[in-house]
């Protein structure tokens, strides 16, 4: 597994590719309000959610039924101080 320190980190979703659901893990150096954004290759926002992230490792689950789109999508986790983006693949 990953070594988790006190640094911000965004992990690759698992499973990936996914058919039904996938889990995204991220690490926060301190508790913060977090925005999760999912968008397509053209940059169109498909989902945006704000949540409370706690210090340490956090997990958020995404369900394929919430997306009409399949194929390559991007997900981004942002706080006031940090942001990171990774790719994921939805298959149906």
PDB file of N, CA and C in Angstrom:
ATOM      1  N   UNK A   1       0.825  -1.204   0.000  1.00  0.00           N
ATOM      2  CA  UNK A   1       0.000   0.000   0.000  1.00  0.00           C
ATOM      3  C   UNK A   1       0.859   1.254   0.000  1.00  0.00           C
ATOM      4  N   UNK A   2       0.195   2.388  -0.049  1.00  0.00           N
ATOM      5  CA  UNK A   2       0.910   3.655  -0.071  1.00  0.00           C
ATOM      6  C   UNK A   2       1.373   4.033   1.329  1.00  0.00           C
ATOM      7  N   UNK A   3       2.460   4.739   1.387  1.00  0.00           N
ATOM      8  CA  UNK A   3       2.913   5.297   2.657  1.00  0.00           C
ATOM      9  C   UNK A   3       2.227   6.648   2.811  1.00  0.00           C
ATOM     10  N   UNK A   4       1.490   6.818   3.884  1.00  0.00           N
ATOM     11  CA  UNK A   4       0.726   8.042   4.090  1.00  0.00           C
ATOM     12  C   UNK A   4       1.426   8.909   5.116  1.00  0.00           C
ATOM     13  N   UNK A   5       1.885  10.063   4.675  1.00  0.00           N
ATOM     14  CA  UNK A   5       2.491  11.003   5.599  1.00  0.00           C
ATOM     15  C   UNK A   5       1.522  12.126   5.887  1.00  0.00           C
ATOM     16  N   UNK A   6       2.028  13.311   6.103  1.00  0.00           N
ATOM     17  CA  UNK A   6       1.176  14.448   6.386  1.00  0.00           C
ATOM     18  C   UNK A   6       0.967  15.319   5.153  1.00  0.00           C
ATOM     19  N   UNK A   7       1.322  14.782   3.988  1.00  0.00           N
ATOM     20  CA  UNK A   7       1.207  15.569   2.765  1.00  0.00           C
ATOM     21  C   UNK A   7      -0.119  15.286   2.073  1.00  0.00           C
ATOM     22  N   UNK A   8      -0.590  16.274   1.329  1.00  0.00           N
ATOM     23  CA  UNK A   8      -1.766  16.079   0.496  1.00  0.00           C
ATOM     24  C   UNK A   8      -1.462  15.034  -0.570  1.00  0.00           C
ATOM     25  N   UNK A   9      -2.410  14.150  -0.828  1.00  0.00           N
ATOM     26  CA  UNK A   9      -2.232  13.159  -1.893  1.00  0.00           C
ATOM     27  C   UNK A   9      -3.586  12.747  -2.432  1.00  0.00           C
ATOM     28  N   UNK A  10      -3.626  12.476  -3.723  1.00  0.00           N
ATOM     29  CA  UNK A  10      -4.817  11.920  -4.359  1.00  0.00           C
ATOM     30  C   UNK A  10      -4.423  10.585  -4.960  1.00  0.00           C
ATOM     31  N   UNK A  11      -5.194   9.539  -4.653  1.00  0.00           N
ATOM     32  CA  UNK A  11      -4.863   8.200  -5.129  1.00  0.00           C
ATOM     33  C   UNK A  11      -5.679   7.864  -6.373  1.00  0.00           C
ATOM     34  N   UNK A  12      -5.171   6.900  -7.125  1.00  0.00           N
ATOM     35  CA  UNK A  12      -5.915   6.382  -8.272  1.00  0.00           C
ATOM     36  C   UNK A  12      -7.157   5.663  -7.743  1.00  0.00           C
ATOM     37  N   UNK A  13      -8.267   5.877  -8.437  1.00  0.00           N
ATOM     38  CA  UNK A  13      -9.498   5.178  -8.041  1.00  0.00           C
ATOM     39  C   UNK A  13      -9.329   3.674  -8.218  1.00  0.00           C
ATOM     40  N   UNK A  14     -10.027   2.912  -7.376  1.00  0.00           N
ATOM     41  CA  UNK A  14     -10.042   1.450  -7.508  1.00  0.00           C
ATOM     42  C   UNK A  14     -11.475   0.956  -7.345  1.00  0.00           C
ATOM     43  N   UNK A  15     -11.926   0.009  -8.129  1.00  0.00           N
ATOM     44  CA  UNK A  15     -11.204  -0.493  -9.305  1.00  0.00           C
ATOM     45  C   UNK A  15     -11.208   0.536 -10.438  1.00  0.00           C
ATOM     46  N   UNK A  16     -10.297   0.365 -11.351  1.00  0.00           N
ATOM     47  CA  UNK A  16     -10.228   1.212 -12.535  1.00  0.00           C
ATOM     48  C   UNK A  16      -9.676   0.373 -13.682  1.00  0.00           C
ATOM     49  N   UNK A  17     -10.404   0.219 -14.779  1.00  0.00           N
ATOM     50  CA  UNK A  17     -11.737   0.762 -15.081  1.00  0.00           C
ATOM     51  C   UNK A  17     -12.809   0.173 -14.156  1.00  0.00           C
ATOM     52  N   UNK A  18     -13.957   0.848 -14.100  1.00  0.00           N
ATOM     53  CA  UNK A  18     -15.038   0.327 -13.270  1.00  0.00           C
ATOM     54  C   UNK A  18     -16.349   0.286 -14.042  1.00  0.00           C
ATOM     55  N   UNK A  19     -17.216  -0.641 -13.629  1.00  0.00           N
ATOM     56  CA  UNK A  19     -18.504  -0.817 -14.279  1.00  0.00           C
ATOM     57  C   UNK A  19     -19.607  -0.215 -13.409  1.00  0.00           C
ATOM     58  N   UNK A  20     -19.592  -0.525 -12.105  1.00  0.00           N
ATOM     59  CA  UNK A  20     -20.678  -0.080 -11.238  1.00  0.00           C
ATOM     60  C   UNK A  20     -20.261   1.023 -10.281  1.00  0.00           C
ATOM     61  N   UNK A  21     -19.199   0.768  -9.526  1.00  0.00           N
ATOM     62  CA  UNK A  21     -18.774   1.750  -8.527  1.00  0.00           C
ATOM     63  C   UNK A  21     -17.264   1.710  -8.388  1.00  0.00           C
ATOM     64  N   UNK A  22     -16.716   2.821  -7.925  1.00  0.00           N
ATOM     65  CA  UNK A  22     -15.276   2.914  -7.706  1.00  0.00           C
ATOM     66  C   UNK A  22     -15.027   3.786  -6.486  1.00  0.00           C
ATOM     67  N   UNK A  23     -13.891   3.599  -5.850  1.00  0.00           N
ATOM     68  CA  UNK A  23     -13.547   4.366  -4.649  1.00  0.00           C
ATOM     69  C   UNK A  23     -12.311   5.211  -4.908  1.00  0.00           C
ATOM     70  N   UNK A  24     -12.401   6.475  -4.530  1.00  0.00           N
ATOM     71  CA  UNK A  24     -11.290   7.412  -4.635  1.00  0.00           C
ATOM     72  C   UNK A  24     -10.791   7.699  -3.227  1.00  0.00           C
ATOM     73  N   UNK A  25      -9.500   7.561  -3.037  1.00  0.00           N
ATOM     74  CA  UNK A  25      -8.900   7.872  -1.739  1.00  0.00           C
ATOM     75  C   UNK A  25      -8.033   9.112  -1.847  1.00  0.00           C
ATOM     76  N   UNK A  26      -8.042   9.919  -0.799  1.00  0.00           N
ATOM     77  CA  UNK A  26      -7.158  11.079  -0.763  1.00  0.00           C
ATOM     78  C   UNK A  26      -6.738  11.359   0.674  1.00  0.00           C
ATOM     79  N   UNK A  27      -5.611  12.043   0.802  1.00  0.00           N
ATOM     80  CA  UNK A  27      -5.047  12.349   2.123  1.00  0.00           C
ATOM     81  C   UNK A  27      -4.999  13.857   2.302  1.00  0.00           C
ATOM     82  N   UNK A  28      -5.439  14.319   3.454  1.00  0.00           N
ATOM     83  CA  UNK A  28      -5.362  15.740   3.787  1.00  0.00           C
ATOM     84  C   UNK A  28      -4.433  15.944   4.981  1.00  0.00           C
ATOM     85  N   UNK A  29      -3.573  16.957   4.916  1.00  0.00           N
ATOM     86  CA  UNK A  29      -2.715  17.271   6.058  1.00  0.00           C
ATOM     87  C   UNK A  29      -3.513  17.845   7.225  1.00  0.00           C
ATOM     88  N   UNK A  30      -4.684  18.412   6.930  1.00  0.00           N
ATOM     89  CA  UNK A  30      -5.578  18.871   8.000  1.00  0.00           C
ATOM     90  C   UNK A  30      -7.006  18.810   7.482  1.00  0.00           C
ATOM     91  N   UNK A  31      -7.960  18.816   8.397  1.00  0.00           N
ATOM     92  CA  UNK A  31      -9.368  18.809   7.993  1.00  0.00           C
ATOM     93  C   UNK A  31      -9.660  20.030   7.133  1.00  0.00           C
ATOM     94  N   UNK A  32     -10.481  19.828   6.105  1.00  0.00           N
ATOM     95  CA  UNK A  32     -10.774  20.923   5.188  1.00  0.00           C
ATOM     96  C   UNK A  32     -12.026  20.606   4.401  1.00  0.00           C
ATOM     97  N   UNK A  33     -12.663  21.648   3.884  1.00  0.00           N
ATOM     98  CA  UNK A  33     -13.752  21.459   2.947  1.00  0.00           C
ATOM     99  C   UNK A  33     -13.139  21.048   1.608  1.00  0.00           C
ATOM    100  N   UNK A  34     -13.698  20.022   1.013  1.00  0.00           N
ATOM    101  CA  UNK A  34     -13.144  19.426  -0.192  1.00  0.00           C
ATOM    102  C   UNK A  34     -14.182  19.478  -1.304  1.00  0.00           C
ATOM    103  N   UNK A  35     -13.743  19.865  -2.493  1.00  0.00           N
ATOM    104  CA  UNK A  35     -14.618  19.796  -3.657  1.00  0.00           C
ATOM    105  C   UNK A  35     -14.148  18.675  -4.569  1.00  0.00           C
ATOM    106  N   UNK A  36     -15.062  17.772  -4.878  1.00  0.00           N
ATOM    107  CA  UNK A  36     -14.796  16.712  -5.844  1.00  0.00           C
ATOM    108  C   UNK A  36     -15.494  17.094  -7.142  1.00  0.00           C
ATOM    109  N   UNK A  37     -14.746  17.135  -8.232  1.00  0.00           N
ATOM    110  CA  UNK A  37     -15.327  17.430  -9.538  1.00  0.00           C
ATOM    111  C   UNK A  37     -14.974  16.312 -10.504  1.00  0.00           C
ATOM    112  N   UNK A  38     -15.979  15.858 -11.242  1.00  0.00           N
ATOM    113  CA  UNK A  38     -15.746  14.869 -12.292  1.00  0.00           C
ATOM    114  C   UNK A  38     -16.092  15.543 -13.613  1.00  0.00           C
ATOM    115  N   UNK A  39     -15.203  15.434 -14.581  1.00  0.00           N
ATOM    116  CA  UNK A  39     -15.486  16.053 -15.870  1.00  0.00           C
ATOM    117  C   UNK A  39     -14.977  15.185 -17.008  1.00  0.00           C
ATOM    118  N   UNK A  40     -15.489  15.482 -18.210  1.00  0.00           N
ATOM    119  CA  UNK A  40     -15.132  14.668 -19.365  1.00  0.00           C
ATOM    120  C   UNK A  40     -13.910  15.239 -20.064  1.00  0.00           C
ATOM    121  N   UNK A  41     -13.520  14.588 -21.144  1.00  0.00           N
ATOM    122  CA  UNK A  41     -12.298  14.959 -21.860  1.00  0.00           C
ATOM    123  C   UNK A  41     -12.335  16.396 -22.370  1.00  0.00           C
ATOM    124  N   UNK A  42     -13.537  16.909 -22.627  1.00  0.00           N
ATOM    125  CA  UNK A  42     -13.653  18.272 -23.159  1.00  0.00           C
ATOM    126  C   UNK A  42     -13.735  19.314 -22.040  1.00  0.00           C
ATOM    127  N   UNK A  43     -13.691  18.845 -20.777  1.00  0.00           N
ATOM    128  CA  UNK A  43     -13.709  19.771 -19.658  1.00  0.00           C
ATOM    129  C   UNK A  43     -15.098  20.076 -19.126  1.00  0.00           C
ATOM    130  N   UNK A  44     -16.118  19.403 -19.655  1.00  0.00           N
ATOM    131  CA  UNK A  44     -17.487  19.626 -19.184  1.00  0.00           C
ATOM    132  C   UNK A  44     -17.679  18.952 -17.826  1.00  0.00           C
ATOM    133  N   UNK A  45     -18.200  19.701 -16.867  1.00  0.00           N
ATOM    134  CA  UNK A  45     -18.384  19.161 -15.518  1.00  0.00           C
ATOM    135  C   UNK A  45     -19.593  18.231 -15.493  1.00  0.00           C
ATOM    136  N   UNK A  46     -19.375  17.006 -15.033  1.00  0.00           N
ATOM    137  CA  UNK A  46     -20.430  15.996 -14.963  1.00  0.00           C
ATOM    138  C   UNK A  46     -20.983  15.877 -13.555  1.00  0.00           C
ATOM    139  N   UNK A  47     -20.132  16.150 -12.580  1.00  0.00           N
ATOM    140  CA  UNK A  47     -20.570  16.058 -11.186  1.00  0.00           C
ATOM    141  C   UNK A  47     -19.662  16.944 -10.361  1.00  0.00           C
ATOM    142  N   UNK A  48     -20.252  17.622  -9.390  1.00  0.00           N
ATOM    143  CA  UNK A  48     -19.461  18.416  -8.462  1.00  0.00           C
ATOM    144  C   UNK A  48     -20.092  18.269  -7.085  1.00  0.00           C
ATOM    145  N   UNK A  49     -19.286  17.970  -6.105  1.00  0.00           N
ATOM    146  CA  UNK A  49     -19.794  17.766  -4.751  1.00  0.00           C
ATOM    147  C   UNK A  49     -18.823  18.376  -3.749  1.00  0.00           C
ATOM    148  N   UNK A  50     -19.392  18.980  -2.723  1.00  0.00           N
ATOM    149  CA  UNK A  50     -18.580  19.541  -1.638  1.00  0.00           C
ATOM    150  C   UNK A  50     -18.770  18.670  -0.405  1.00  0.00           C
ATOM    151  N   UNK A  51     -17.673  18.344   0.255  1.00  0.00           N
ATOM    152  CA  UNK A  51     -17.748  17.500   1.452  1.00  0.00           C
ATOM    153  C   UNK A  51     -16.716  17.940   2.470  1.00  0.00           C
ATOM    154  N   UNK A  52     -16.897  17.456   3.667  1.00  0.00           N
ATOM    155  CA  UNK A  52     -15.925  17.723   4.727  1.00  0.00           C
ATOM    156  C   UNK A  52     -14.891  16.609   4.713  1.00  0.00           C
ATOM    157  N   UNK A  53     -13.648  16.973   4.469  1.00  0.00           N
ATOM    158  CA  UNK A  53     -12.570  15.991   4.516  1.00  0.00           C
ATOM    159  C   UNK A  53     -11.883  16.078   5.861  1.00  0.00           C
ATOM    160  N   UNK A  54     -11.505  14.928   6.398  1.00  0.00           N
ATOM    161  CA  UNK A  54     -10.822  14.950   7.687  1.00  0.00           C
ATOM    162  C   UNK A  54      -9.328  14.722   7.497  1.00  0.00           C
ATOM    163  N   UNK A  55      -8.565  15.130   8.493  1.00  0.00           N
ATOM    164  CA  UNK A  55      -7.114  14.943   8.441  1.00  0.00           C
ATOM    165  C   UNK A  55      -6.809  13.458   8.297  1.00  0.00           C
ATOM    166  N   UNK A  56      -5.865  13.145   7.415  1.00  0.00           N
ATOM    167  CA  UNK A  56      -5.545  11.748   7.165  1.00  0.00           C
ATOM    168  C   UNK A  56      -6.231  11.272   5.901  1.00  0.00           C
ATOM    169  N   UNK A  57      -6.495   9.976   5.857  1.00  0.00           N
ATOM    170  CA  UNK A  57      -7.016   9.396   4.621  1.00  0.00           C
ATOM    171  C   UNK A  57      -8.548   9.451   4.586  1.00  0.00           C
ATOM    172  N   UNK A  58      -9.075   9.784   3.437  1.00  0.00           N
ATOM    173  CA  UNK A  58     -10.516   9.875   3.207  1.00  0.00           C
ATOM    174  C   UNK A  58     -10.859   9.050   1.972  1.00  0.00           C
ATOM    175  N   UNK A  59     -12.095   8.569   1.939  1.00  0.00           N
ATOM    176  CA  UNK A  59     -12.561   7.810   0.781  1.00  0.00           C
ATOM    177  C   UNK A  59     -13.901   8.351   0.316  1.00  0.00           C
ATOM    178  N   UNK A  60     -14.083   8.379  -0.978  1.00  0.00           N
ATOM    179  CA  UNK A  60     -15.377   8.756  -1.543  1.00  0.00           C
ATOM    180  C   UNK A  60     -15.704   7.763  -2.650  1.00  0.00           C
ATOM    181  N   UNK A  61     -16.971   7.340  -2.693  1.00  0.00           N
ATOM    182  CA  UNK A  61     -17.385   6.352  -3.684  1.00  0.00           C
ATOM    183  C   UNK A  61     -18.160   7.041  -4.800  1.00  0.00           C
ATOM    184  N   UNK A  62     -17.872   6.641  -6.023  1.00  0.00           N
ATOM    185  CA  UNK A  62     -18.612   7.131  -7.182  1.00  0.00           C
ATOM    186  C   UNK A  62     -19.342   5.966  -7.829  1.00  0.00           C
ATOM    187  N   UNK A  63     -20.557   6.230  -8.306  1.00  0.00           N
ATOM    188  CA  UNK A  63     -21.363   5.196  -8.957  1.00  0.00           C
ATOM    189  C   UNK A  63     -21.527   5.515 -10.432  1.00  0.00           C
ATOM    190  N   UNK A  64     -21.299   4.509 -11.265  1.00  0.00           N
ATOM    191  CA  UNK A  64     -21.371   4.699 -12.717  1.00  0.00           C
ATOM    192  C   UNK A  64     -22.767   5.143 -13.150  1.00  0.00           C
ATOM    193  N   UNK A  65     -23.799   4.742 -12.399  1.00  0.00           N
ATOM    194  CA  UNK A  65     -25.165   5.119 -12.801  1.00  0.00           C
ATOM    195  C   UNK A  65     -25.371   6.634 -12.778  1.00  0.00           C
ATOM    196  N   UNK A  66     -24.495   7.364 -12.095  1.00  0.00           N
ATOM    197  CA  UNK A  66     -24.597   8.825 -12.062  1.00  0.00           C
ATOM    198  C   UNK A  66     -24.029   9.480 -13.315  1.00  0.00           C
ATOM    199  N   UNK A  67     -23.422   8.689 -14.191  1.00  0.00           N
ATOM    200  CA  UNK A  67     -22.823   9.234 -15.407  1.00  0.00           C
ATOM    201  C   UNK A  67     -23.423   8.561 -16.634  1.00  0.00           C
ATOM    202  N   UNK A  68     -23.864   9.367 -17.578  1.00  0.00           N
ATOM    203  CA  UNK A  68     -24.312   8.818 -18.858  1.00  0.00           C
ATOM    204  C   UNK A  68     -23.076   8.412 -19.650  1.00  0.00           C
ATOM    205  N   UNK A  69     -22.008   9.178 -19.438  1.00  0.00           N
ATOM    206  CA  UNK A  69     -20.788   9.024 -20.221  1.00  0.00           C
ATOM    207  C   UNK A  69     -20.051   7.743 -19.861  1.00  0.00           C
ATOM    208  N   UNK A  70     -19.382   7.194 -20.848  1.00  0.00           N
ATOM    209  CA  UNK A  70     -18.452   6.098 -20.584  1.00  0.00           C
ATOM    210  C   UNK A  70     -17.098   6.503 -21.148  1.00  0.00           C
ATOM    211  N   UNK A  71     -16.105   5.681 -20.849  1.00  0.00           N
ATOM    212  CA  UNK A  71     -14.767   5.977 -21.337  1.00  0.00           C
ATOM    213  C   UNK A  71     -13.982   6.776 -20.318  1.00  0.00           C
ATOM    214  N   UNK A  72     -13.054   7.579 -20.814  1.00  0.00           N
ATOM    215  CA  UNK A  72     -12.133   8.303 -19.953  1.00  0.00           C
ATOM    216  C   UNK A  72     -12.768   9.553 -19.362  1.00  0.00           C
ATOM    217  N   UNK A  73     -12.716   9.653 -18.053  1.00  0.00           N
ATOM    218  CA  UNK A  73     -13.167  10.851 -17.344  1.00  0.00           C
ATOM    219  C   UNK A  73     -12.028  11.309 -16.439  1.00  0.00           C
ATOM    220  N   UNK A  74     -12.121  12.544 -15.986  1.00  0.00           N
ATOM    221  CA  UNK A  74     -11.162  13.066 -15.015  1.00  0.00           C
ATOM    222  C   UNK A  74     -11.866  13.297 -13.685  1.00  0.00           C
ATOM    223  N   UNK A  75     -11.147  13.118 -12.598  1.00  0.00           N
ATOM    224  CA  UNK A  75     -11.677  13.534 -11.298  1.00  0.00           C
ATOM    225  C   UNK A  75     -10.646  14.419 -10.615  1.00  0.00           C
ATOM    226  N   UNK A  76     -11.163  15.443  -9.929  1.00  0.00           N
ATOM    227  CA  UNK A  76     -10.284  16.400  -9.253  1.00  0.00           C
ATOM    228  C   UNK A  76     -10.747  16.574  -7.820  1.00  0.00           C
ATOM    229  N   UNK A  77      -9.788  16.576  -6.921  1.00  0.00           N
ATOM    230  CA  UNK A  77     -10.035  16.883  -5.507  1.00  0.00           C
ATOM    231  C   UNK A  77      -9.342  18.214  -5.227  1.00  0.00           C
ATOM    232  N   UNK A  78     -10.091  19.137  -4.649  1.00  0.00           N
ATOM    233  CA  UNK A  78      -9.547  20.472  -4.362  1.00  0.00           C
ATOM    234  C   UNK A  78      -9.902  20.917  -2.952  1.00  0.00           C
ATOM    235  N   UNK A  79      -8.937  21.565  -2.298  1.00  0.00           N
ATOM    236  CA  UNK A  79      -9.224  22.322  -1.089  1.00  0.00           C
ATOM    237  C   UNK A  79      -8.722  23.740  -1.352  1.00  0.00           C
ATOM    238  N   UNK A  80      -8.810  24.589  -0.353  1.00  0.00           N
ATOM    239  CA  UNK A  80      -8.295  25.946  -0.521  1.00  0.00           C
ATOM    240  C   UNK A  80      -6.810  25.924  -0.879  1.00  0.00           C
ATOM    241  N   UNK A  81      -6.088  24.955  -0.335  1.00  0.00           N
ATOM    242  CA  UNK A  81      -4.628  24.944  -0.470  1.00  0.00           C
ATOM    243  C   UNK A  81      -4.084  23.954  -1.492  1.00  0.00           C
ATOM    244  N   UNK A  82      -4.872  22.951  -1.848  1.00  0.00           N
ATOM    245  CA  UNK A  82      -4.344  21.862  -2.663  1.00  0.00           C
ATOM    246  C   UNK A  82      -5.318  21.497  -3.761  1.00  0.00           C
ATOM    247  N   UNK A  83      -4.771  20.912  -4.824  1.00  0.00           N
ATOM    248  CA  UNK A  83      -5.636  20.334  -5.832  1.00  0.00           C
ATOM    249  C   UNK A  83      -4.855  19.300  -6.626  1.00  0.00           C
ATOM    250  N   UNK A  84      -5.541  18.240  -7.053  1.00  0.00           N
ATOM    251  CA  UNK A  84      -4.910  17.212  -7.861  1.00  0.00           C
ATOM    252  C   UNK A  84      -5.971  16.579  -8.743  1.00  0.00           C
ATOM    253  N   UNK A  85      -5.548  16.104  -9.894  1.00  0.00           N
ATOM    254  CA  UNK A  85      -6.464  15.518 -10.877  1.00  0.00           C
ATOM    255  C   UNK A  85      -5.906  14.186 -11.348  1.00  0.00           C
ATOM    256  N   UNK A  86      -6.794  13.205 -11.520  1.00  0.00           N
ATOM    257  CA  UNK A  86      -6.403  11.922 -12.114  1.00  0.00           C
ATOM    258  C   UNK A  86      -7.477  11.491 -13.107  1.00  0.00           C
ATOM    259  N   UNK A  87      -7.110  10.494 -13.917  1.00  0.00           N
ATOM    260  CA  UNK A  87      -8.035   9.950 -14.903  1.00  0.00           C
ATOM    261  C   UNK A  87      -8.655   8.674 -14.392  1.00  0.00           C
ATOM    262  N   UNK A  88      -9.890   8.401 -14.828  1.00  0.00           N
ATOM    263  CA  UNK A  88     -10.519   7.122 -14.544  1.00  0.00           C
ATOM    264  C   UNK A  88     -11.324   6.701 -15.772  1.00  0.00           C
ATOM    265  N   UNK A  89     -11.639   5.433 -15.832  1.00  0.00           N
ATOM    266  CA  UNK A  89     -12.365   4.908 -16.989  1.00  0.00           C
ATOM    267  C   UNK A  89     -13.637   4.217 -16.544  1.00  0.00           C
ATOM    268  N   UNK A  90     -14.747   4.629 -17.146  1.00  0.00           N
ATOM    269  CA  UNK A  90     -16.049   4.013 -16.885  1.00  0.00           C
ATOM    270  C   UNK A  90     -16.380   3.114 -18.066  1.00  0.00           C
ATOM    271  N   UNK A  91     -16.709   1.866 -17.790  1.00  0.00           N
ATOM    272  CA  UNK A  91     -17.129   0.959 -18.852  1.00  0.00           C
ATOM    273  C   UNK A  91     -18.522   0.434 -18.528  1.00  0.00           C
ATOM    274  N   UNK A  92     -19.312   0.198 -19.570  1.00  0.00           N
ATOM    275  CA  UNK A  92     -20.676  -0.308 -19.333  1.00  0.00           C
ATOM    276  C   UNK A  92     -20.966  -1.492 -20.223  1.00  0.00           C
TER     277      UNK A  92
END
